[in-house]
């Protein structure tokens, strides 16, 4: 909630781009190394049926909420606006 007050919100969870990110339909490398590693991990786990798409989206979304300041630049490119 504190990040929203500072203008550091992230796009809503229901945006199509979240699914596209974990399904590799958006070929984008996060500038934040940890987020890039996690997203690559989600893609791999989805391929191996170790995790379902919705769980991967939830985990990525939660991680991005936690580090909202670090993802602002990436999200302006991926999501354009929200």
Protein backbone atom coordinates (compact mmCIF):
# COMPACT_ATOMS: atom_id res chain seq x y z
CA UNK A 1 0.00 0.00 0.00
CA UNK A 2 2.86 2.37 0.76
CA UNK A 3 4.21 1.98 -2.78
CA UNK A 4 0.85 2.99 -4.27
CA UNK A 5 0.96 6.23 -2.29
CA UNK A 6 4.36 6.99 -3.81
CA UNK A 7 3.05 6.41 -7.35
CA UNK A 8 4.81 3.07 -7.62
CA UNK A 9 1.83 0.92 -8.46
CA UNK A 10 2.01 -2.05 -10.76
CA UNK A 11 -0.50 -3.01 -13.45
CA UNK A 12 -3.63 -4.87 -12.33
CA UNK A 13 -3.36 -8.64 -12.00
CA UNK A 14 -6.01 -9.22 -14.68
CA UNK A 15 -3.99 -7.58 -17.48
CA UNK A 16 -3.21 -9.95 -20.38
CA UNK A 17 0.47 -9.01 -20.30
CA UNK A 18 1.02 -10.96 -17.05
CA UNK A 19 -0.04 -14.17 -18.77
CA UNK A 20 2.00 -13.28 -21.84
CA UNK A 21 5.11 -12.80 -19.70
CA UNK A 22 4.96 -16.20 -18.03
CA UNK A 23 3.92 -17.93 -21.26
CA UNK A 24 6.87 -16.42 -23.17
CA UNK A 25 4.53 -14.62 -25.57
CA UNK A 26 6.29 -11.38 -24.67
CA UNK A 27 9.99 -11.85 -25.20
CA UNK A 28 11.25 -9.36 -22.66
CA UNK A 29 14.19 -9.47 -20.29
CA UNK A 30 13.65 -7.60 -17.06
CA UNK A 31 16.37 -5.15 -16.15
CA UNK A 32 16.05 -6.51 -12.61
CA UNK A 33 18.10 -9.71 -12.62
CA UNK A 34 16.10 -11.46 -9.88
CA UNK A 35 12.81 -10.85 -11.70
CA UNK A 36 14.32 -12.12 -14.94
CA UNK A 37 15.51 -15.30 -13.22
CA UNK A 38 12.14 -15.88 -11.57
CA UNK A 39 10.22 -15.33 -14.80
CA UNK A 40 12.52 -17.74 -16.63
CA UNK A 41 11.95 -20.24 -13.82
CA UNK A 42 8.16 -19.89 -14.13
CA UNK A 43 8.35 -20.50 -17.88
CA UNK A 44 10.44 -23.62 -17.35
CA UNK A 45 8.13 -24.95 -14.64
CA UNK A 46 5.05 -24.35 -16.78
CA UNK A 47 6.63 -26.30 -19.65
CA UNK A 48 7.38 -29.20 -17.29
CA UNK A 49 3.88 -29.03 -15.76
CA UNK A 50 5.40 -28.37 -12.34
CA UNK A 51 3.30 -25.24 -11.90
CA UNK A 52 0.12 -23.97 -13.51
CA UNK A 53 -0.11 -20.67 -15.35
CA UNK A 54 -2.30 -18.94 -12.76
CA UNK A 55 0.08 -19.82 -9.94
CA UNK A 56 3.02 -18.50 -11.95
CA UNK A 57 1.16 -15.26 -12.63
CA UNK A 58 0.26 -14.93 -8.94
CA UNK A 59 3.86 -15.46 -7.86
CA UNK A 60 5.26 -13.03 -10.43
CA UNK A 61 2.65 -10.44 -9.53
CA UNK A 62 3.39 -10.77 -5.81
CA UNK A 63 7.11 -10.47 -6.42
CA UNK A 64 6.59 -7.37 -8.57
CA UNK A 65 4.37 -5.82 -5.90
CA UNK A 66 7.15 -6.30 -3.38
CA UNK A 67 9.73 -4.70 -5.66
CA UNK A 68 7.46 -2.19 -7.40
CA UNK A 69 10.12 0.51 -7.43
CA UNK A 70 12.54 -1.76 -9.30
CA UNK A 71 10.05 -2.70 -12.04
CA UNK A 72 8.67 0.71 -12.99
CA UNK A 73 10.94 1.09 -16.03
CA UNK A 74 10.22 -2.43 -17.25
CA UNK A 75 6.48 -2.04 -16.82
CA UNK A 76 6.37 1.23 -18.71
CA UNK A 77 7.79 -0.70 -21.67
CA UNK A 78 5.68 -3.86 -21.24
CA UNK A 79 2.35 -2.45 -20.12
CA UNK A 80 2.69 1.12 -21.48
CA UNK A 81 0.18 2.53 -18.96
CA UNK A 82 -2.16 1.39 -16.20
